[in-house]
Amino acid sequence: MTPPAAPYVLGVDTDTTTLREADHLLQALAAELTLPEGVFGCTHLVRDGRPRVALSLAAGAGPVLRTARDRLTARGYEVRDGAWDENGRAVLFPGAAALTGTLTLAELLARSAIDRVTVLGTPDRPAPDTRLVTRDHVRPHWQDGHLVLAAMPAVGGTLVPFEDPDPTPCCADH
């Protein structure tokens, strides 16, 4: 999960077990720690003896995260150098706040740190003028050092991010 411009990375162990819970925790910690706009914050599924969702924070400047490390450790979090894996799911990234409503893919790429968009089930890259209905929930993943958003076709020739902001819990109907 190491972004090219972010050599300093912290891993933060948590007791969260859902992505939604981890998203909220990551956003709350970023606000509490007053992390600058350029910080990347990702979630990572950890499947050792204690399944959970861990966090990582990456910044170009070490001092920002060294201070965050001290504050997180003081709050009881286990903090380590480096991310949990190379494939983090980005919640905080440059431009994330600007990805609301419906945007063309060209606008999405210009406004954010996302490098490319892929469409499930198709080998071709979508056209830059393709509209993406963000649902105000854009969660790209790191792939080979690039931030990639997976999208899927939706109504009217638009796309939506693959990850649903309000997923139906398993077995909700029984």
C-alpha atoms as a PDB file:
ATOM      1  CA  MET A   1       0.000   0.000   0.000  1.00  0.00           C
ATOM      2  CA  THR A   2       2.927   2.329  -0.205  1.00  0.00           C
ATOM      3  CA  PRO A   3       1.978   5.220  -2.479  1.00  0.00           C
ATOM      4  CA  PRO A   4       4.913   6.446  -4.577  1.00  0.00           C
ATOM      5  CA  ALA A   5       5.037   9.831  -2.799  1.00  0.00           C
ATOM      6  CA  ALA A   6       4.466   8.440   0.686  1.00  0.00           C
ATOM      7  CA  PRO A   7       7.541   6.708   2.071  1.00  0.00           C
ATOM      8  CA  TYR A   8       6.463   6.791   5.722  1.00  0.00           C
ATOM      9  CA  VAL A   9       3.748   4.251   6.603  1.00  0.00           C
ATOM     10  CA  LEU A  10       2.224   3.238   9.944  1.00  0.00           C
ATOM     11  CA  GLY A  11       0.094   0.166  10.589  1.00  0.00           C
ATOM     12  CA  VAL A  12      -2.538   0.499  13.307  1.00  0.00           C
ATOM     13  CA  ASP A  13      -4.044  -2.618  14.852  1.00  0.00           C
ATOM     14  CA  THR A  14      -7.725  -2.359  15.791  1.00  0.00           C
ATOM     15  CA  ASP A  15     -10.544  -4.441  17.183  1.00  0.00           C
ATOM     16  CA  THR A  16     -12.921  -3.446  14.383  1.00  0.00           C
ATOM     17  CA  THR A  17     -14.465  -6.298  12.459  1.00  0.00           C
ATOM     18  CA  THR A  18     -16.341  -4.522   9.644  1.00  0.00           C
ATOM     19  CA  LEU A  19     -15.238  -2.181   6.888  1.00  0.00           C
ATOM     20  CA  ARG A  20     -17.909   0.357   7.856  1.00  0.00           C
ATOM     21  CA  GLU A  21     -16.642   0.402  11.450  1.00  0.00           C
ATOM     22  CA  ALA A  22     -13.046   0.732  10.230  1.00  0.00           C
ATOM     23  CA  ASP A  23     -13.983   3.592   7.855  1.00  0.00           C
ATOM     24  CA  HIS A  24     -15.569   5.521  10.717  1.00  0.00           C
ATOM     25  CA  LEU A  25     -12.607   4.856  13.017  1.00  0.00           C
ATOM     26  CA  LEU A  26     -10.108   5.940  10.353  1.00  0.00           C
ATOM     27  CA  GLN A  27     -12.013   9.157   9.652  1.00  0.00           C
ATOM     28  CA  ALA A  28     -12.390   9.906  13.374  1.00  0.00           C
ATOM     29  CA  LEU A  29      -8.684   9.306  14.034  1.00  0.00           C
ATOM     30  CA  ALA A  30      -7.686  11.502  11.085  1.00  0.00           C
ATOM     31  CA  ALA A  31      -9.832  14.326  12.470  1.00  0.00           C
ATOM     32  CA  GLU A  32      -8.559  13.873  16.050  1.00  0.00           C
ATOM     33  CA  LEU A  33      -4.948  13.744  14.921  1.00  0.00           C
ATOM     34  CA  THR A  34      -5.523  16.676  12.532  1.00  0.00           C
ATOM     35  CA  LEU A  35      -3.818  14.823   9.715  1.00  0.00           C
ATOM     36  CA  PRO A  36      -3.132  16.951   6.626  1.00  0.00           C
ATOM     37  CA  GLU A  37      -5.027  16.538   3.349  1.00  0.00           C
ATOM     38  CA  GLY A  38      -2.278  14.548   1.589  1.00  0.00           C
ATOM     39  CA  VAL A  39      -2.300  11.596   4.004  1.00  0.00           C
ATOM     40  CA  PHE A  40      -3.454   8.230   2.703  1.00  0.00           C
ATOM     41  CA  GLY A  41      -5.563   6.148   5.103  1.00  0.00           C
ATOM     42  CA  CYS A  42      -6.378   2.547   4.227  1.00  0.00           C
ATOM     43  CA  THR A  43      -8.140  -0.472   5.654  1.00  0.00           C
ATOM     44  CA  HIS A  44      -6.663  -3.973   5.542  1.00  0.00           C
ATOM     45  CA  LEU A  45      -8.402  -7.274   6.245  1.00  0.00           C
ATOM     46  CA  VAL A  46      -6.280  -9.241   8.726  1.00  0.00           C
ATOM     47  CA  ARG A  47      -6.912 -12.963   8.922  1.00  0.00           C
ATOM     48  CA  ASP A  48      -4.586 -14.333  11.543  1.00  0.00           C
ATOM     49  CA  GLY A  49      -5.884 -15.916  14.736  1.00  0.00           C
ATOM     50  CA  ARG A  50      -7.996 -12.793  15.344  1.00  0.00           C
ATOM     51  CA  PRO A  51      -9.842 -11.657  12.190  1.00  0.00           C
ATOM     52  CA  ARG A  52     -10.214  -7.866  12.077  1.00  0.00           C
ATOM     53  CA  VAL A  53      -9.801  -4.765   9.970  1.00  0.00           C
ATOM     54  CA  ALA A  54      -6.510  -2.947  10.568  1.00  0.00           C
ATOM     55  CA  LEU A  55      -5.600   0.519   9.377  1.00  0.00           C
ATOM     56  CA  SER A  56      -2.612   2.125   7.741  1.00  0.00           C
ATOM     57  CA  LEU A  57      -1.614   5.760   7.397  1.00  0.00           C
ATOM     58  CA  ALA A  58       0.908   6.953   4.818  1.00  0.00           C
ATOM     59  CA  ALA A  59       2.444  10.392   4.406  1.00  0.00           C
ATOM     60  CA  GLY A  60       5.321  11.907   2.498  1.00  0.00           C
ATOM     61  CA  ALA A  61       6.745  13.430   5.671  1.00  0.00           C
ATOM     62  CA  GLY A  62       7.672  11.295   8.648  1.00  0.00           C
ATOM     63  CA  PRO A  63       7.178  13.949  11.371  1.00  0.00           C
ATOM     64  CA  VAL A  64       3.410  14.071  10.771  1.00  0.00           C
ATOM     65  CA  LEU A  65       3.046  10.347  11.372  1.00  0.00           C
ATOM     66  CA  ARG A  66       5.652  10.158  14.136  1.00  0.00           C
ATOM     67  CA  THR A  67       3.462  12.506  16.160  1.00  0.00           C
ATOM     68  CA  ALA A  68       0.406  10.438  15.206  1.00  0.00           C
ATOM     69  CA  ARG A  69       2.240   7.263  16.294  1.00  0.00           C
ATOM     70  CA  ASP A  70       2.892   8.720  19.752  1.00  0.00           C
ATOM     71  CA  ARG A  71      -0.714   9.818  20.168  1.00  0.00           C
ATOM     72  CA  LEU A  72      -2.139   6.495  18.918  1.00  0.00           C
ATOM     73  CA  THR A  73       0.176   4.511  21.188  1.00  0.00           C
ATOM     74  CA  ALA A  74      -0.855   6.687  24.147  1.00  0.00           C
ATOM     75  CA  ARG A  75      -4.484   5.790  23.356  1.00  0.00           C
ATOM     76  CA  GLY A  76      -3.669   2.075  23.539  1.00  0.00           C
ATOM     77  CA  TYR A  77      -3.386   1.200  19.856  1.00  0.00           C
ATOM     78  CA  GLU A  78      -0.675  -1.193  18.739  1.00  0.00           C
ATOM     79  CA  VAL A  79       1.238   0.690  16.049  1.00  0.00           C
ATOM     80  CA  ARG A  80       3.936  -0.683  13.767  1.00  0.00           C
ATOM     81  CA  ASP A  81       6.036   0.474  10.851  1.00  0.00           C
ATOM     82  CA  GLY A  82       4.569  -0.443   7.483  1.00  0.00           C
ATOM     83  CA  ALA A  83       1.168  -1.442   6.167  1.00  0.00           C
ATOM     84  CA  TRP A  84      -0.458  -4.819   6.735  1.00  0.00           C
ATOM     85  CA  ASP A  85      -0.268  -5.648   3.039  1.00  0.00           C
ATOM     86  CA  GLU A  86       0.293  -4.000  -0.338  1.00  0.00           C
ATOM     87  CA  ASN A  87      -3.396  -3.972  -1.296  1.00  0.00           C
ATOM     88  CA  GLY A  88      -5.007  -1.527   1.098  1.00  0.00           C
ATOM     89  CA  ARG A  89      -8.474  -0.145   0.505  1.00  0.00           C
ATOM     90  CA  ALA A  90      -8.172   3.652   0.484  1.00  0.00           C
ATOM     91  CA  VAL A  91     -10.633   5.650   2.565  1.00  0.00           C
ATOM     92  CA  LEU A  92      -8.520   8.794   2.944  1.00  0.00           C
ATOM     93  CA  PHE A  93      -6.571   9.992  -0.083  1.00  0.00           C
ATOM     94  CA  PRO A  94      -5.920  13.293  -1.814  1.00  0.00           C
ATOM     95  CA  GLY A  95      -9.132  14.502  -3.441  1.00  0.00           C
ATOM     96  CA  ALA A  96     -11.444  11.989  -1.736  1.00  0.00           C
ATOM     97  CA  ALA A  97     -13.713  14.731  -0.363  1.00  0.00           C
ATOM     98  CA  ALA A  98     -14.316  16.086  -3.890  1.00  0.00           C
ATOM     99  CA  LEU A  99     -15.715  12.782  -5.174  1.00  0.00           C
ATOM    100  CA  THR A 100     -19.424  13.359  -4.616  1.00  0.00           C
ATOM    101  CA  GLY A 101     -22.466  13.207  -6.841  1.00  0.00           C
ATOM    102  CA  THR A 102     -22.029  12.262 -10.491  1.00  0.00           C
ATOM    103  CA  LEU A 103     -18.692  12.887 -12.210  1.00  0.00           C
ATOM    104  CA  THR A 104     -17.116  11.930 -15.479  1.00  0.00           C
ATOM    105  CA  LEU A 105     -14.165   9.588 -15.130  1.00  0.00           C
ATOM    106  CA  ALA A 106     -11.921  12.383 -16.426  1.00  0.00           C
ATOM    107  CA  GLU A 107     -13.135  14.600 -13.545  1.00  0.00           C
ATOM    108  CA  LEU A 108     -12.636  11.804 -11.012  1.00  0.00           C
ATOM    109  CA  LEU A 109      -9.055  11.221 -12.147  1.00  0.00           C
ATOM    110  CA  ALA A 110      -8.251  14.943 -12.278  1.00  0.00           C
ATOM    111  CA  ARG A 111      -9.681  15.660  -8.803  1.00  0.00           C
ATOM    112  CA  SER A 112      -8.137  12.775  -6.901  1.00  0.00           C
ATOM    113  CA  ALA A 113      -5.149  10.499  -6.404  1.00  0.00           C
ATOM    114  CA  ILE A 114      -6.963   7.663  -8.214  1.00  0.00           C
ATOM    115  CA  ASP A 115      -4.832   6.488 -11.140  1.00  0.00           C
ATOM    116  CA  ARG A 116      -7.395   4.518 -13.124  1.00  0.00           C
ATOM    117  CA  VAL A 117     -10.865   2.994 -13.173  1.00  0.00           C
ATOM    118  CA  THR A 118     -11.639  -0.579 -14.163  1.00  0.00           C
ATOM    119  CA  VAL A 119     -15.065  -1.991 -14.966  1.00  0.00           C
ATOM    120  CA  LEU A 120     -15.915  -5.449 -13.704  1.00  0.00           C
ATOM    121  CA  GLY A 121     -16.405  -7.961 -16.512  1.00  0.00           C
ATOM    122  CA  THR A 122     -14.712  -5.888 -19.206  1.00  0.00           C
ATOM    123  CA  PRO A 123     -11.070  -5.899 -20.293  1.00  0.00           C
ATOM    124  CA  ASP A 124     -11.230  -2.389 -21.806  1.00  0.00           C
ATOM    125  CA  ARG A 125     -10.767   0.873 -19.962  1.00  0.00           C
ATOM    126  CA  PRO A 126     -13.903   2.999 -19.869  1.00  0.00           C
ATOM    127  CA  ALA A 127     -14.056   6.246 -21.857  1.00  0.00           C
ATOM    128  CA  PRO A 128     -13.074   9.435 -19.976  1.00  0.00           C
ATOM    129  CA  ASP A 129     -16.554  10.927 -20.551  1.00  0.00           C
ATOM    130  CA  THR A 130     -18.291   7.966 -18.876  1.00  0.00           C
ATOM    131  CA  ARG A 131     -20.324   9.163 -15.901  1.00  0.00           C
ATOM    132  CA  LEU A 132     -19.759   7.660 -12.440  1.00  0.00           C
ATOM    133  CA  VAL A 133     -22.488   7.960  -9.816  1.00  0.00           C
ATOM    134  CA  THR A 134     -20.285   8.044  -6.706  1.00  0.00           C
ATOM    135  CA  ARG A 135     -23.018   7.479  -4.110  1.00  0.00           C
ATOM    136  CA  ASP A 136     -20.589   9.571  -2.020  1.00  0.00           C
ATOM    137  CA  HIS A 137     -18.643   6.368  -1.316  1.00  0.00           C
ATOM    138  CA  VAL A 138     -15.470   5.878  -3.365  1.00  0.00           C
ATOM    139  CA  ARG A 139     -13.051   3.217  -2.048  1.00  0.00           C
ATOM    140  CA  PRO A 140     -10.222   2.447  -4.490  1.00  0.00           C
ATOM    141  CA  HIS A 141      -7.605  -0.254  -3.789  1.00  0.00           C
ATOM    142  CA  TRP A 142      -3.852  -0.242  -4.200  1.00  0.00           C
ATOM    143  CA  GLN A 143      -2.756  -2.496  -7.074  1.00  0.00           C
ATOM    144  CA  ASP A 144       0.922  -2.637  -8.023  1.00  0.00           C
ATOM    145  CA  GLY A 145       1.534   0.817  -6.559  1.00  0.00           C
ATOM    146  CA  HIS A 146      -1.470   2.395  -8.317  1.00  0.00           C
ATOM    147  CA  LEU A 147      -4.754   3.500  -6.799  1.00  0.00           C
ATOM    148  CA  VAL A 148      -7.478   1.734  -8.802  1.00  0.00           C
ATOM    149  CA  LEU A 149     -11.235   2.105  -8.485  1.00  0.00           C
ATOM    150  CA  ALA A 150     -13.320  -0.927  -9.460  1.00  0.00           C
ATOM    151  CA  ALA A 151     -16.673   0.082 -10.913  1.00  0.00           C
ATOM    152  CA  MET A 152     -19.659  -1.724 -12.366  1.00  0.00           C
ATOM    153  CA  PRO A 153     -22.262  -0.823 -14.974  1.00  0.00           C
ATOM    154  CA  ALA A 154     -25.418   0.897 -13.755  1.00  0.00           C
ATOM    155  CA  VAL A 155     -28.612   2.394 -15.148  1.00  0.00           C
ATOM    156  CA  GLY A 156     -28.428   4.684 -18.159  1.00  0.00           C
ATOM    157  CA  GLY A 157     -24.904   3.802 -19.229  1.00  0.00           C
ATOM    158  CA  THR A 158     -23.392   5.113 -16.011  1.00  0.00           C
ATOM    159  CA  LEU A 159     -21.012   3.380 -13.639  1.00  0.00           C
ATOM    160  CA  VAL A 160     -21.071   3.048  -9.849  1.00  0.00           C
ATOM    161  CA  PRO A 161     -18.211   2.093  -7.542  1.00  0.00           C
ATOM    162  CA  PHE A 162     -18.209  -1.654  -6.957  1.00  0.00           C
ATOM    163  CA  GLU A 163     -18.381  -1.244  -3.182  1.00  0.00           C
ATOM    164  CA  ASP A 164     -21.917  -0.487  -2.010  1.00  0.00           C
ATOM    165  CA  PRO A 165     -22.087   2.151   0.751  1.00  0.00           C
ATOM    166  CA  ASP A 166     -25.036   0.366   2.402  1.00  0.00           C
ATOM    167  CA  PRO A 167     -24.540  -3.374   1.904  1.00  0.00           C
ATOM    168  CA  THR A 168     -27.239  -5.770   3.009  1.00  0.00           C
ATOM    169  CA  PRO A 169     -25.935  -7.868   5.894  1.00  0.00           C
ATOM    170  CA  CYS A 170     -25.623 -11.568   5.208  1.00  0.00           C
ATOM    171  CA  CYS A 171     -28.759 -13.504   6.101  1.00  0.00           C
ATOM    172  CA  ALA A 172     -30.765 -10.262   6.654  1.00  0.00           C
ATOM    173  CA  ASP A 173     -33.927 -11.870   5.342  1.00  0.00           C
ATOM    174  CA  HIS A 174     -33.934 -14.886   7.645  1.00  0.00           C
END
